[in-house]
Amino acid sequence: MKQNLTNALKSSGLAAAMLILASGCSAENEASLDTEEKKLSYSMGTIFAERIGEDMQDLDTDAFVAGIIDGLEGNEKQLSDEEIQASIQDYQKRMQQEMADAQNQGGQEQQQGNATENLEQSEAFLEENAERDEVKTTESGLQYEVLEEGDGQSPEADDRVTVHYTGMLTDETVFDSSRERGEPTTFGLQQVIPGWTEGLQLMQEGGRYKFYIPPELAYGENAPSSIGPNQALIFDVELIEVK
């Protein structure tokens, strides 16, 4: 079947039609489609051309036709096999890069849209939250609520602390929790987001506070994907020890 189709394509005068096309003449008026074999050959040609045209908008018709004729007629190729392979690979790389650039652009636009929307929602949440009597707000904009007062040492900015915590989005979705892992965590106050650095210094050992942290004191636009850009965050923090 494959050999018969190949013979049909060759015997249909496809090479001659391509030569007419390459010279700028119209093959449509001169094609003789008086047999099923010729009709099939013509159909294959139109389908092939339409598909190639969709995939390669910058196709050079003259060079394309010359390549088909040389391939069908067994003529000496104008490029070596290595040059042909290199040309195709270069084209594929360009297409892949264009697709990657388009995806990156789309991702950046989506990220910016999310950042704007999240910031508006965060500001609205914090504004409403600040109206609650049990919530206090510092000059930086950090909001905190005392769940349980401690009676031990308060940390300073260069101290290390051991804490238990649960991190939540403003809809109380938990994104991180030492309590769920069953083990407290230890870190330096200079190693965490500004909202934690400030908030922990308000506490004493044994205390438990809830921090409501504005985006600019959290991760801002560079938040991990589990949080999202410009999200206000809530942390339920228990200060176990100051080291």
Protein backbone atom coordinates (compact mmCIF):
# COMPACT_ATOMS: atom_id res chain seq x y z
CA MET A 1 0.00 0.00 0.00
CA LYS A 2 2.79 2.40 0.93
CA GLN A 3 4.67 1.64 -2.30
CA ASN A 4 1.49 2.12 -4.37
CA LEU A 5 0.87 5.52 -2.71
CA THR A 6 4.44 6.58 -3.37
CA ASN A 7 4.14 5.58 -6.99
CA ALA A 8 0.85 7.43 -7.24
CA LEU A 9 2.39 10.59 -5.89
CA LYS A 10 5.28 10.36 -8.30
CA SER A 11 3.20 9.42 -11.32
CA SER A 12 0.69 12.18 -10.61
CA GLY A 13 3.07 14.78 -11.89
CA LEU A 14 3.55 16.27 -8.41
CA ALA A 15 7.11 17.25 -9.22
CA ALA A 16 5.95 19.08 -12.33
CA ALA A 17 3.21 20.82 -10.36
CA MET A 18 5.78 21.93 -7.78
CA LEU A 19 7.99 23.31 -10.54
CA ILE A 20 5.09 25.36 -11.88
CA LEU A 21 4.35 26.64 -8.36
CA ALA A 22 8.00 27.55 -7.80
CA SER A 23 8.07 29.54 -11.03
CA GLY A 24 5.12 31.64 -9.91
CA CYS A 25 2.46 30.09 -12.15
CA SER A 26 -0.86 28.74 -10.95
CA ALA A 27 -1.05 24.96 -10.92
CA GLU A 28 -4.75 25.06 -10.11
CA ASN A 29 -5.86 25.87 -13.68
CA GLU A 30 -3.56 23.33 -15.31
CA ALA A 31 -4.04 20.31 -13.02
CA SER A 32 -5.77 17.42 -14.71
CA LEU A 33 -7.71 15.49 -12.09
CA ASP A 34 -9.41 12.99 -14.39
CA THR A 35 -8.40 9.82 -12.53
CA GLU A 36 -8.81 8.63 -8.93
CA GLU A 37 -5.03 8.38 -8.64
CA LYS A 38 -4.60 12.05 -9.58
CA LYS A 39 -7.40 13.15 -7.27
CA LEU A 40 -5.75 11.28 -4.41
CA SER A 41 -2.38 12.80 -5.25
CA TYR A 42 -3.85 16.30 -5.37
CA SER A 43 -5.66 15.74 -2.07
CA MET A 44 -2.47 14.56 -0.40
CA GLY A 45 -0.65 17.61 -1.70
CA THR A 46 -3.21 20.10 -0.35
CA ILE A 47 -3.37 18.40 3.06
CA PHE A 48 0.41 18.29 3.31
CA ALA A 49 0.75 21.95 2.33
CA GLU A 50 -1.99 23.11 4.75
CA ARG A 51 -0.43 21.26 7.67
CA ILE A 52 3.04 22.54 6.91
CA GLY A 53 1.66 26.08 6.54
CA GLU A 54 -0.03 25.90 9.96
CA ASP A 55 3.15 24.73 11.68
CA MET A 56 5.61 27.00 9.88
CA GLN A 57 4.27 30.49 9.25
CA ASP A 58 7.64 31.70 7.93
CA LEU A 59 8.04 28.92 5.36
CA ASP A 60 9.87 29.98 2.20
CA THR A 61 7.79 28.50 -0.62
CA ASP A 62 10.51 28.46 -3.27
CA ALA A 63 13.05 26.71 -1.03
CA PHE A 64 10.40 24.32 0.27
CA VAL A 65 9.33 23.28 -3.24
CA ALA A 66 12.95 22.86 -4.30
CA GLY A 67 13.52 20.50 -1.39
CA ILE A 68 10.45 18.42 -2.29
CA ILE A 69 11.49 18.15 -5.94
CA ASP A 70 15.04 17.12 -5.06
CA GLY A 71 13.72 14.55 -2.62
CA LEU A 72 11.16 13.06 -5.01
CA GLU A 73 13.40 13.08 -8.09
CA GLY A 74 16.50 11.84 -6.30
CA ASN A 75 18.47 14.94 -7.27
CA GLU A 76 21.70 15.90 -5.56
CA LYS A 77 20.82 17.73 -2.35
CA GLN A 78 21.84 21.36 -2.04
CA LEU A 79 22.63 20.81 1.66
CA SER A 80 24.49 17.95 3.28
CA ASP A 81 22.63 15.58 5.58
CA GLU A 82 24.45 17.19 8.52
CA GLU A 83 23.37 20.68 7.45
CA ILE A 84 19.76 19.53 7.00
CA GLN A 85 19.72 17.96 10.46
CA ALA A 86 21.33 21.03 12.02
CA SER A 87 18.79 23.33 10.36
CA ILE A 88 15.86 21.30 11.66
CA GLN A 89 17.34 21.13 15.16
CA ASP A 90 17.91 24.90 15.19
CA TYR A 91 14.30 25.45 14.18
CA GLN A 92 13.04 23.12 16.91
CA LYS A 93 15.14 24.93 19.50
CA ARG A 94 13.77 28.30 18.38
CA MET A 95 10.20 27.01 18.63
CA GLN A 96 10.84 25.56 22.08
CA GLN A 97 12.35 28.84 23.26
CA GLU A 98 9.42 30.82 21.88
CA MET A 99 6.99 28.52 23.67
CA ALA A 100 8.96 28.81 26.91
CA ASP A 101 9.04 32.61 26.61
CA ALA A 102 5.30 32.72 26.01
CA GLN A 103 4.64 30.49 29.01
CA ASN A 104 6.92 32.60 31.20
CA GLN A 105 5.17 35.77 30.07
CA GLY A 106 1.79 34.24 30.80
CA GLY A 107 3.01 33.03 34.19
CA GLN A 108 4.35 36.47 35.08
CA GLU A 109 1.08 38.12 34.11
CA GLN A 110 -0.85 35.58 36.18
CA GLN A 111 1.53 36.06 39.10
CA GLN A 112 1.09 39.83 38.95
CA GLY A 113 -2.68 39.45 38.83
CA ASN A 114 -2.61 37.16 41.86
CA ALA A 115 -0.31 39.55 43.72
CA THR A 116 -2.68 42.48 43.20
CA GLU A 117 -5.77 40.51 44.18
CA ASN A 118 -4.11 38.98 47.23
CA LEU A 119 -2.86 42.37 48.41
CA GLU A 120 -6.35 43.83 48.26
CA GLN A 121 -7.77 40.87 50.17
CA SER A 122 -4.96 41.01 52.75
CA GLU A 123 -5.47 44.72 53.37
CA ALA A 124 -9.22 44.22 53.80
CA PHE A 125 -8.66 41.33 56.23
CA LEU A 126 -6.14 43.24 58.35
CA GLU A 127 -8.29 46.36 58.44
CA GLU A 128 -11.25 44.39 59.75
CA ASN A 129 -9.10 42.32 62.12
CA ALA A 130 -7.61 45.45 63.69
CA GLU A 131 -11.08 46.45 64.90
CA ARG A 132 -11.24 43.54 67.32
CA ASP A 133 -10.59 44.54 70.93
CA GLU A 134 -8.19 41.67 71.60
CA VAL A 135 -5.93 42.58 68.67
CA LYS A 136 -3.09 45.07 69.06
CA THR A 137 -1.18 46.71 66.20
CA THR A 138 2.45 47.85 66.29
CA GLU A 139 3.93 50.80 64.40
CA SER A 140 5.16 48.47 61.64
CA GLY A 141 1.65 47.17 61.02
CA LEU A 142 2.15 43.81 62.76
CA GLN A 143 -0.99 42.68 64.56
CA TYR A 144 -0.91 40.31 67.51
CA GLU A 145 -3.28 38.70 69.95
CA VAL A 146 -2.23 37.33 73.34
CA LEU A 147 -3.61 33.83 73.83
CA GLU A 148 -1.53 33.12 76.93
CA GLU A 149 1.03 35.29 78.68
CA GLY A 150 4.43 33.82 79.55
CA ASP A 151 6.57 34.54 82.59
CA GLY A 152 10.06 33.73 81.33
CA GLN A 153 12.74 35.51 79.34
CA SER A 154 11.99 37.61 76.25
CA PRO A 155 14.28 37.11 73.24
CA GLU A 156 16.37 39.82 71.64
CA ALA A 157 17.01 40.24 67.92
CA ASP A 158 20.22 38.18 67.91
CA ASP A 159 18.90 35.30 70.07
CA ARG A 160 17.88 31.82 69.08
CA VAL A 161 14.50 30.45 70.15
CA THR A 162 12.61 27.19 70.27
CA VAL A 163 8.94 27.41 69.37
CA HIS A 164 5.86 25.48 68.39
CA TYR A 165 3.78 27.12 65.68
CA THR A 166 0.99 26.74 63.16
CA GLY A 167 1.05 28.88 60.01
CA MET A 168 -2.22 29.71 58.28
CA LEU A 169 -3.60 31.79 55.44
CA THR A 170 -6.31 34.30 56.26
CA ASP A 171 -8.96 31.66 55.52
CA GLU A 172 -7.25 29.51 58.20
CA THR A 173 -5.83 27.04 55.68
CA VAL A 174 -2.77 25.52 57.38
CA PHE A 175 0.37 25.60 55.20
CA ASP A 176 2.98 24.70 57.84
CA SER A 177 2.90 23.41 61.40
CA SER A 178 5.54 22.15 63.82
CA ARG A 179 2.69 20.83 65.95
CA GLU A 180 1.54 18.54 63.14
CA ARG A 181 5.13 17.31 62.76
CA GLY A 182 5.23 16.63 66.50
CA GLU A 183 8.52 18.45 67.08
CA PRO A 184 9.29 22.11 67.95
CA THR A 185 11.69 24.07 65.81
CA THR A 186 14.73 26.15 66.74
CA PHE A 187 16.09 29.13 64.76
CA GLY A 188 17.69 32.53 65.07
CA LEU A 189 15.45 35.59 65.02
CA GLN A 190 17.47 36.96 62.10
CA GLN A 191 16.65 33.87 60.03
CA VAL A 192 12.90 34.39 59.79
CA ILE A 193 10.49 36.88 58.24
CA PRO A 194 10.35 40.38 59.79
CA GLY A 195 6.93 39.75 61.34
CA TRP A 196 8.36 36.87 63.36
CA THR A 197 11.51 38.77 64.33
CA GLU A 198 9.42 41.61 65.75
CA GLY A 199 6.61 39.52 67.19
CA LEU A 200 8.74 37.06 69.13
CA GLN A 201 10.48 39.90 70.95
CA LEU A 202 7.07 40.88 72.38
CA MET A 203 6.73 37.47 74.01
CA GLN A 204 8.08 35.76 77.10
CA GLU A 205 8.94 32.08 77.48
CA GLY A 206 5.78 30.08 78.11
CA GLY A 207 3.65 32.57 76.23
CA ARG A 208 1.41 31.89 73.24
CA TYR A 209 0.53 34.62 70.75
CA LYS A 210 -1.25 34.80 67.45
CA PHE A 211 0.45 37.02 64.86
CA TYR A 212 -1.39 38.59 61.94
CA ILE A 213 1.41 39.52 59.57
CA PRO A 214 0.99 41.95 56.62
CA PRO A 215 2.54 40.88 53.29
CA GLU A 216 5.39 43.38 53.59
CA LEU A 217 6.41 41.79 56.92
CA ALA A 218 5.99 38.27 55.52
CA TYR A 219 7.08 37.10 52.06
CA GLY A 220 5.63 39.88 49.89
CA GLU A 221 5.50 39.02 46.20
CA ASN A 222 8.23 36.36 46.54
CA ALA A 223 6.21 33.91 48.60
CA PRO A 224 6.45 30.15 48.02
CA SER A 225 3.72 28.59 45.90
CA SER A 226 2.02 27.08 48.95
CA ILE A 227 1.32 30.62 50.17
CA GLY A 228 1.07 32.87 47.11
CA PRO A 229 2.24 36.45 46.53
CA ASN A 230 1.20 39.28 48.86
CA GLN A 231 -0.62 37.08 51.33
CA ALA A 232 -1.22 38.21 54.88
CA LEU A 233 -0.33 35.34 57.20
CA ILE A 234 -1.52 34.11 60.59
CA PHE A 235 0.83 32.32 62.98
CA ASP A 236 -0.19 30.70 66.26
CA VAL A 237 3.16 30.71 68.12
CA GLU A 238 4.19 29.26 71.48
CA LEU A 239 7.58 30.45 72.76
CA ILE A 240 9.14 27.47 74.50
CA GLU A 241 12.70 28.62 75.16
CA VAL A 242 15.11 31.45 74.53
CA LYS A 243 18.65 30.21 73.92
